[in-house]
Amino acid sequence: MKIKEPGHVYEFLTLDSKDILDRESIRFVNRERGTEHPGTQTQEVLRALIDRTMHCDDCIPWHGNPAIIHHMRMAIAYHEARALERKAEKGLYFPELILIGKDGHFQLQQETPSNDNQKYHSRRGILYPAV
């Protein structure tokens, strides 16, 4: 891995390429004044990594994959908790106005890209979107 722009742009080795100079790159959004540029965010990369781990587990199952997925999901949760805290501090988010579910906690709604993905199933302790 090579850092092209600290905190924002990274270059990775490409495995199994005939071209030894072949590289993959990822660019994170930069909102720092004077150096702004579009890009992805850590949570999106983690979502892709979760999907990849599930795919790899389908190909060659391993008992540790549920733990890997759990920790990546928790990393997303911590990133989102940080964002909620910052929004509340700026007066952009009011937790007292969020809908509450039957369990007394925030009501969460999951996006589903299609009707086919609305059901989830569990295999070896991993919750997968139905495909």
N, C-alpha and C. Protein backbone atom coordinates (compact mmCIF):
# COMPACT_ATOMS: atom_id res chain seq x y z
N MET A 1 0.85 -1.17 0.00
CA MET A 1 0.00 0.00 0.00
C MET A 1 0.90 1.24 0.00
N LYS A 2 0.53 2.19 -0.82
CA LYS A 2 1.28 3.44 -0.90
C LYS A 2 0.33 4.61 -0.62
N ILE A 3 0.76 5.51 0.25
CA ILE A 3 -0.04 6.69 0.57
C ILE A 3 0.27 7.77 -0.44
N LYS A 4 -0.75 8.16 -1.22
CA LYS A 4 -0.58 9.20 -2.24
C LYS A 4 -0.96 10.57 -1.68
N GLU A 5 -1.99 10.62 -0.85
CA GLU A 5 -2.42 11.84 -0.16
C GLU A 5 -2.84 11.39 1.23
N PRO A 6 -2.06 11.70 2.27
CA PRO A 6 -2.34 11.18 3.61
C PRO A 6 -3.80 11.37 4.03
N GLY A 7 -4.41 10.26 4.42
CA GLY A 7 -5.78 10.27 4.88
C GLY A 7 -6.82 10.25 3.79
N HIS A 8 -6.39 10.36 2.52
CA HIS A 8 -7.38 10.51 1.45
C HIS A 8 -7.17 9.64 0.22
N VAL A 9 -5.95 9.47 -0.24
CA VAL A 9 -5.73 8.70 -1.47
C VAL A 9 -4.66 7.64 -1.21
N TYR A 10 -5.00 6.40 -1.60
CA TYR A 10 -4.12 5.26 -1.37
C TYR A 10 -4.02 4.44 -2.65
N GLU A 11 -2.87 3.83 -2.84
CA GLU A 11 -2.62 2.97 -3.99
C GLU A 11 -2.24 1.59 -3.47
N PHE A 12 -2.80 0.56 -4.11
CA PHE A 12 -2.59 -0.82 -3.67
C PHE A 12 -1.97 -1.64 -4.78
N LEU A 13 -1.22 -2.65 -4.40
CA LEU A 13 -0.72 -3.62 -5.36
C LEU A 13 -1.90 -4.35 -5.98
N THR A 14 -1.77 -4.71 -7.24
CA THR A 14 -2.78 -5.53 -7.91
C THR A 14 -2.22 -6.94 -7.99
N LEU A 15 -2.92 -7.88 -7.39
CA LEU A 15 -2.47 -9.26 -7.39
C LEU A 15 -2.86 -9.96 -8.68
N ASP A 16 -2.05 -10.92 -9.08
CA ASP A 16 -2.31 -11.77 -10.25
C ASP A 16 -2.38 -11.00 -11.56
N SER A 17 -1.72 -9.86 -11.65
CA SER A 17 -1.68 -9.08 -12.88
C SER A 17 -0.39 -9.41 -13.63
N LYS A 18 -0.46 -9.41 -14.94
CA LYS A 18 0.73 -9.63 -15.76
C LYS A 18 1.63 -8.39 -15.75
N ASP A 19 1.03 -7.24 -15.46
CA ASP A 19 1.77 -5.98 -15.40
C ASP A 19 2.17 -5.70 -13.96
N ILE A 20 3.46 -5.78 -13.65
CA ILE A 20 3.91 -5.59 -12.27
C ILE A 20 3.70 -4.15 -11.77
N LEU A 21 3.45 -3.23 -12.70
CA LEU A 21 3.19 -1.84 -12.31
C LEU A 21 1.70 -1.57 -12.11
N ASP A 22 0.86 -2.55 -12.37
CA ASP A 22 -0.59 -2.39 -12.23
C ASP A 22 -0.94 -2.10 -10.78
N ARG A 23 -1.75 -1.08 -10.54
CA ARG A 23 -2.14 -0.67 -9.19
C ARG A 23 -3.64 -0.41 -9.12
N GLU A 24 -4.19 -0.55 -7.94
CA GLU A 24 -5.57 -0.17 -7.64
C GLU A 24 -5.48 1.04 -6.73
N SER A 25 -6.48 1.92 -6.79
CA SER A 25 -6.45 3.08 -5.90
C SER A 25 -7.83 3.32 -5.31
N ILE A 26 -7.82 4.04 -4.21
CA ILE A 26 -9.05 4.44 -3.55
C ILE A 26 -8.87 5.88 -3.10
N ARG A 27 -9.94 6.66 -3.28
CA ARG A 27 -9.88 8.07 -2.90
C ARG A 27 -11.02 8.35 -1.94
N PHE A 28 -10.68 8.85 -0.77
CA PHE A 28 -11.66 9.23 0.24
C PHE A 28 -12.01 10.71 0.07
N VAL A 29 -13.22 11.05 0.42
CA VAL A 29 -13.67 12.43 0.35
C VAL A 29 -12.75 13.30 1.22
N ASN A 30 -12.43 14.47 0.71
CA ASN A 30 -11.61 15.42 1.46
C ASN A 30 -12.42 16.70 1.61
N ARG A 31 -12.79 17.03 2.84
CA ARG A 31 -13.56 18.24 3.12
C ARG A 31 -12.73 19.30 3.84
N GLU A 32 -11.40 19.10 3.81
CA GLU A 32 -10.51 20.07 4.46
C GLU A 32 -10.39 21.29 3.57
N ARG A 33 -10.63 22.44 4.17
CA ARG A 33 -10.65 23.70 3.41
C ARG A 33 -9.38 23.88 2.59
N GLY A 34 -9.59 24.15 1.30
CA GLY A 34 -8.48 24.41 0.39
C GLY A 34 -7.99 23.19 -0.36
N THR A 35 -8.33 22.00 0.10
CA THR A 35 -7.88 20.77 -0.57
C THR A 35 -9.06 19.83 -0.85
N GLU A 36 -10.26 20.37 -0.89
CA GLU A 36 -11.46 19.56 -1.05
C GLU A 36 -11.46 18.76 -2.35
N HIS A 37 -11.98 17.54 -2.28
CA HIS A 37 -12.26 16.75 -3.47
C HIS A 37 -13.24 15.64 -3.10
N PRO A 38 -13.99 15.16 -4.10
CA PRO A 38 -14.94 14.08 -3.82
C PRO A 38 -14.22 12.76 -3.60
N GLY A 39 -14.94 11.82 -3.05
CA GLY A 39 -14.40 10.49 -2.81
C GLY A 39 -15.38 9.69 -1.99
N THR A 40 -14.96 8.52 -1.59
CA THR A 40 -15.82 7.66 -0.79
C THR A 40 -15.54 7.91 0.69
N GLN A 41 -16.17 7.13 1.54
CA GLN A 41 -15.91 7.23 2.97
C GLN A 41 -15.61 5.84 3.52
N THR A 42 -15.03 5.80 4.69
CA THR A 42 -14.60 4.55 5.31
C THR A 42 -15.76 3.57 5.44
N GLN A 43 -16.94 4.06 5.80
CA GLN A 43 -18.09 3.18 5.98
C GLN A 43 -18.42 2.44 4.69
N GLU A 44 -18.32 3.11 3.55
CA GLU A 44 -18.61 2.47 2.27
C GLU A 44 -17.60 1.37 1.97
N VAL A 45 -16.33 1.64 2.28
CA VAL A 45 -15.30 0.63 2.05
C VAL A 45 -15.55 -0.57 2.97
N LEU A 46 -15.93 -0.31 4.22
CA LEU A 46 -16.23 -1.41 5.14
C LEU A 46 -17.42 -2.23 4.64
N ARG A 47 -18.44 -1.58 4.07
CA ARG A 47 -19.57 -2.32 3.51
C ARG A 47 -19.11 -3.25 2.39
N ALA A 48 -18.22 -2.75 1.55
CA ALA A 48 -17.67 -3.59 0.47
C ALA A 48 -16.86 -4.74 1.05
N LEU A 49 -16.08 -4.47 2.09
CA LEU A 49 -15.27 -5.52 2.71
C LEU A 49 -16.15 -6.59 3.37
N ILE A 50 -17.26 -6.17 3.96
CA ILE A 50 -18.21 -7.14 4.53
C ILE A 50 -18.75 -8.03 3.42
N ASP A 51 -19.17 -7.42 2.32
CA ASP A 51 -19.69 -8.20 1.20
C ASP A 51 -18.63 -9.15 0.66
N ARG A 52 -17.40 -8.68 0.54
CA ARG A 52 -16.32 -9.55 0.05
C ARG A 52 -16.07 -10.70 0.99
N THR A 53 -16.07 -10.44 2.29
CA THR A 53 -15.84 -11.51 3.26
C THR A 53 -16.95 -12.55 3.18
N MET A 54 -18.19 -12.09 3.01
CA MET A 54 -19.30 -13.03 2.85
C MET A 54 -19.12 -13.86 1.58
N HIS A 55 -18.71 -13.20 0.49
CA HIS A 55 -18.48 -13.91 -0.76
C HIS A 55 -17.37 -14.96 -0.59
N CYS A 56 -16.28 -14.55 0.02
CA CYS A 56 -15.16 -15.48 0.23
C CYS A 56 -15.57 -16.64 1.14
N ASP A 57 -16.42 -16.35 2.12
CA ASP A 57 -16.90 -17.40 3.02
C ASP A 57 -17.78 -18.39 2.26
N ASP A 58 -18.52 -17.90 1.27
CA ASP A 58 -19.32 -18.81 0.43
C ASP A 58 -18.41 -19.72 -0.39
N CYS A 59 -17.27 -19.18 -0.82
CA CYS A 59 -16.33 -19.97 -1.64
C CYS A 59 -15.54 -20.96 -0.79
N ILE A 60 -14.96 -20.47 0.27
CA ILE A 60 -14.16 -21.30 1.18
C ILE A 60 -14.51 -20.89 2.61
N PRO A 61 -15.47 -21.57 3.24
CA PRO A 61 -15.88 -21.20 4.60
C PRO A 61 -14.72 -21.29 5.61
N TRP A 62 -14.78 -20.38 6.57
CA TRP A 62 -13.80 -20.39 7.67
C TRP A 62 -14.52 -19.95 8.93
N HIS A 63 -14.23 -20.60 10.04
CA HIS A 63 -14.93 -20.34 11.31
C HIS A 63 -14.72 -18.92 11.83
N GLY A 64 -13.69 -18.22 11.40
CA GLY A 64 -13.41 -16.87 11.89
C GLY A 64 -14.13 -15.77 11.13
N ASN A 65 -14.74 -16.08 9.99
CA ASN A 65 -15.39 -15.04 9.19
C ASN A 65 -16.53 -14.33 9.92
N PRO A 66 -17.37 -15.02 10.70
CA PRO A 66 -18.41 -14.27 11.44
C PRO A 66 -17.81 -13.20 12.36
N ALA A 67 -16.68 -13.48 12.99
CA ALA A 67 -16.04 -12.48 13.86
C ALA A 67 -15.51 -11.32 13.05
N ILE A 68 -14.93 -11.60 11.89
CA ILE A 68 -14.42 -10.53 11.02
C ILE A 68 -15.56 -9.61 10.63
N ILE A 69 -16.67 -10.20 10.20
CA ILE A 69 -17.83 -9.41 9.77
C ILE A 69 -18.40 -8.62 10.94
N HIS A 70 -18.49 -9.26 12.12
CA HIS A 70 -18.99 -8.56 13.30
C HIS A 70 -18.16 -7.31 13.59
N HIS A 71 -16.85 -7.44 13.56
CA HIS A 71 -15.99 -6.30 13.90
C HIS A 71 -16.04 -5.21 12.84
N MET A 72 -16.18 -5.58 11.57
CA MET A 72 -16.33 -4.55 10.54
C MET A 72 -17.67 -3.83 10.71
N ARG A 73 -18.73 -4.57 11.08
CA ARG A 73 -20.01 -3.93 11.34
C ARG A 73 -19.91 -2.98 12.53
N MET A 74 -19.18 -3.37 13.56
CA MET A 74 -19.01 -2.50 14.73
C MET A 74 -18.19 -1.27 14.34
N ALA A 75 -17.24 -1.42 13.45
CA ALA A 75 -16.47 -0.26 12.98
C ALA A 75 -17.40 0.74 12.28
N ILE A 76 -18.34 0.23 11.47
CA ILE A 76 -19.32 1.12 10.85
C ILE A 76 -20.14 1.81 11.93
N ALA A 77 -20.59 1.06 12.93
CA ALA A 77 -21.40 1.64 14.00
C ALA A 77 -20.65 2.75 14.73
N TYR A 78 -19.36 2.55 15.00
CA TYR A 78 -18.58 3.59 15.68
C TYR A 78 -18.41 4.83 14.80
N HIS A 79 -18.17 4.63 13.51
CA HIS A 79 -18.08 5.78 12.61
C HIS A 79 -19.38 6.57 12.59
N GLU A 80 -20.50 5.86 12.54
CA GLU A 80 -21.79 6.53 12.51
C GLU A 80 -22.12 7.20 13.85
N ALA A 81 -21.71 6.58 14.96
CA ALA A 81 -21.90 7.20 16.28
C ALA A 81 -21.13 8.51 16.35
N ARG A 82 -19.92 8.52 15.82
CA ARG A 82 -19.11 9.75 15.79
C ARG A 82 -19.82 10.83 14.98
N ALA A 83 -20.37 10.44 13.82
CA ALA A 83 -21.07 11.41 12.97
C ALA A 83 -22.31 11.96 13.68
N LEU A 84 -23.07 11.11 14.36
CA LEU A 84 -24.25 11.57 15.10
C LEU A 84 -23.86 12.54 16.21
N GLU A 85 -22.79 12.22 16.92
CA GLU A 85 -22.33 13.09 18.01
C GLU A 85 -21.93 14.46 17.46
N ARG A 86 -21.21 14.47 16.36
CA ARG A 86 -20.78 15.75 15.77
C ARG A 86 -21.97 16.56 15.27
N LYS A 87 -22.96 15.88 14.66
CA LYS A 87 -24.15 16.58 14.20
C LYS A 87 -24.94 17.15 15.36
N ALA A 88 -25.04 16.40 16.47
CA ALA A 88 -25.75 16.90 17.65
C ALA A 88 -25.03 18.12 18.23
N GLU A 89 -23.70 18.06 18.29
CA GLU A 89 -22.93 19.20 18.81
C GLU A 89 -23.13 20.46 17.96
N LYS A 90 -23.34 20.30 16.66
CA LYS A 90 -23.53 21.43 15.75
C LYS A 90 -24.99 21.88 15.70
N GLY A 91 -25.88 21.18 16.41
CA GLY A 91 -27.29 21.53 16.37
C GLY A 91 -28.00 21.07 15.11
N LEU A 92 -27.43 20.07 14.43
CA LEU A 92 -28.01 19.56 13.20
C LEU A 92 -28.82 18.28 13.41
N TYR A 93 -28.79 17.76 14.63
CA TYR A 93 -29.42 16.48 14.93
C TYR A 93 -29.98 16.55 16.35
N PHE A 94 -31.21 16.15 16.51
CA PHE A 94 -31.87 16.20 17.82
C PHE A 94 -32.34 14.80 18.20
N PRO A 95 -31.56 14.07 19.00
CA PRO A 95 -31.89 12.70 19.34
C PRO A 95 -33.26 12.54 20.00
N GLU A 96 -33.72 13.58 20.70
CA GLU A 96 -35.01 13.48 21.37
C GLU A 96 -36.18 13.45 20.38
N LEU A 97 -35.92 13.79 19.12
CA LEU A 97 -36.98 13.81 18.11
C LEU A 97 -37.00 12.56 17.22
N ILE A 98 -36.06 11.65 17.44
CA ILE A 98 -35.99 10.43 16.62
C ILE A 98 -37.09 9.46 17.04
N LEU A 99 -37.71 8.81 16.06
CA LEU A 99 -38.74 7.82 16.34
C LEU A 99 -38.16 6.69 17.18
N ILE A 100 -38.96 6.23 18.12
CA ILE A 100 -38.55 5.16 19.02
C ILE A 100 -39.30 3.89 18.65
N GLY A 101 -38.59 2.78 18.64
CA GLY A 101 -39.20 1.49 18.35
C GLY A 101 -39.83 0.88 19.58
N LYS A 102 -40.41 -0.29 19.42
CA LYS A 102 -41.08 -0.99 20.52
C LYS A 102 -40.13 -1.33 21.66
N ASP A 103 -38.85 -1.43 21.35
CA ASP A 103 -37.86 -1.76 22.39
C ASP A 103 -37.38 -0.53 23.15
N GLY A 104 -37.90 0.66 22.79
CA GLY A 104 -37.52 1.89 23.48
C GLY A 104 -36.28 2.57 22.93
N HIS A 105 -35.69 2.01 21.88
CA HIS A 105 -34.49 2.58 21.26
C HIS A 105 -34.84 3.16 19.90
N PHE A 106 -33.89 3.89 19.32
CA PHE A 106 -34.12 4.48 18.00
C PHE A 106 -34.69 3.44 17.05
N GLN A 107 -35.66 3.87 16.28
CA GLN A 107 -36.23 3.00 15.25
C GLN A 107 -35.31 3.05 14.04
N LEU A 108 -34.84 1.90 13.62
CA LEU A 108 -33.93 1.83 12.48
C LEU A 108 -34.68 1.30 11.27
N GLN A 109 -34.31 1.81 10.12
CA GLN A 109 -34.91 1.36 8.88
C GLN A 109 -33.77 0.95 7.96
N GLN A 110 -33.85 -0.24 7.39
CA GLN A 110 -32.81 -0.69 6.49
C GLN A 110 -33.25 -0.51 5.05
N GLU A 111 -32.33 -0.01 4.23
CA GLU A 111 -32.60 0.10 2.81
C GLU A 111 -32.44 -1.26 2.17
N THR A 112 -33.28 -1.54 1.22
CA THR A 112 -33.12 -2.76 0.43
C THR A 112 -33.19 -2.38 -1.03
N PRO A 113 -32.20 -2.75 -1.82
CA PRO A 113 -32.17 -2.34 -3.20
C PRO A 113 -33.30 -2.91 -4.05
N SER A 114 -33.86 -4.04 -3.65
CA SER A 114 -34.96 -4.63 -4.41
C SER A 114 -35.78 -5.52 -3.49
N ASN A 115 -36.93 -5.93 -3.94
CA ASN A 115 -37.76 -6.83 -3.14
C ASN A 115 -37.05 -8.15 -2.85
N ASP A 116 -36.16 -8.56 -3.74
CA ASP A 116 -35.44 -9.82 -3.56
C ASP A 116 -34.51 -9.78 -2.34
N ASN A 117 -34.07 -8.60 -1.95
CA ASN A 117 -33.11 -8.48 -0.86
C ASN A 117 -33.77 -8.13 0.48
N GLN A 118 -35.08 -8.24 0.58
CA GLN A 118 -35.75 -7.83 1.81
C GLN A 118 -35.64 -8.85 2.93
N LYS A 119 -35.31 -10.08 2.64
CA LYS A 119 -35.20 -11.10 3.68
C LYS A 119 -33.73 -11.39 3.95
N TYR A 120 -33.46 -11.67 5.19
CA TYR A 120 -32.09 -12.01 5.58
C TYR A 120 -32.09 -13.43 6.10
N HIS A 121 -31.00 -14.12 5.91
CA HIS A 121 -30.87 -15.46 6.46
C HIS A 121 -29.53 -15.58 7.16
N SER A 122 -29.40 -16.56 8.01
CA SER A 122 -28.17 -16.75 8.78
C SER A 122 -27.53 -18.07 8.36
N ARG A 123 -26.24 -18.00 8.14
CA ARG A 123 -25.48 -19.21 7.83
C ARG A 123 -24.19 -19.13 8.62
N ARG A 124 -23.93 -20.13 9.43
CA ARG A 124 -22.74 -20.17 10.28
C ARG A 124 -22.59 -18.89 11.11
N GLY A 125 -23.69 -18.36 11.58
CA GLY A 125 -23.63 -17.19 12.47
C GLY A 125 -23.50 -15.85 11.77
N ILE A 126 -23.49 -15.83 10.42
CA ILE A 126 -23.37 -14.58 9.68
C ILE A 126 -24.73 -14.24 9.09
N LEU A 127 -25.20 -13.03 9.31
CA LEU A 127 -26.43 -12.58 8.65
C LEU A 127 -26.08 -12.09 7.25
N TYR A 128 -26.71 -12.69 6.26
CA TYR A 128 -26.50 -12.35 4.86
C TYR A 128 -27.77 -11.76 4.28
N PRO A 129 -27.65 -10.77 3.38
CA PRO A 129 -28.82 -10.38 2.63
C PRO A 129 -29.20 -11.53 1.70
N ALA A 130 -30.49 -11.80 1.59
CA ALA A 130 -30.93 -12.84 0.66
C ALA A 130 -30.70 -12.36 -0.76
N VAL A 131 -30.20 -13.23 -1.60
CA VAL A 131 -29.98 -12.87 -3.00
C VAL A 131 -30.77 -13.76 -3.93
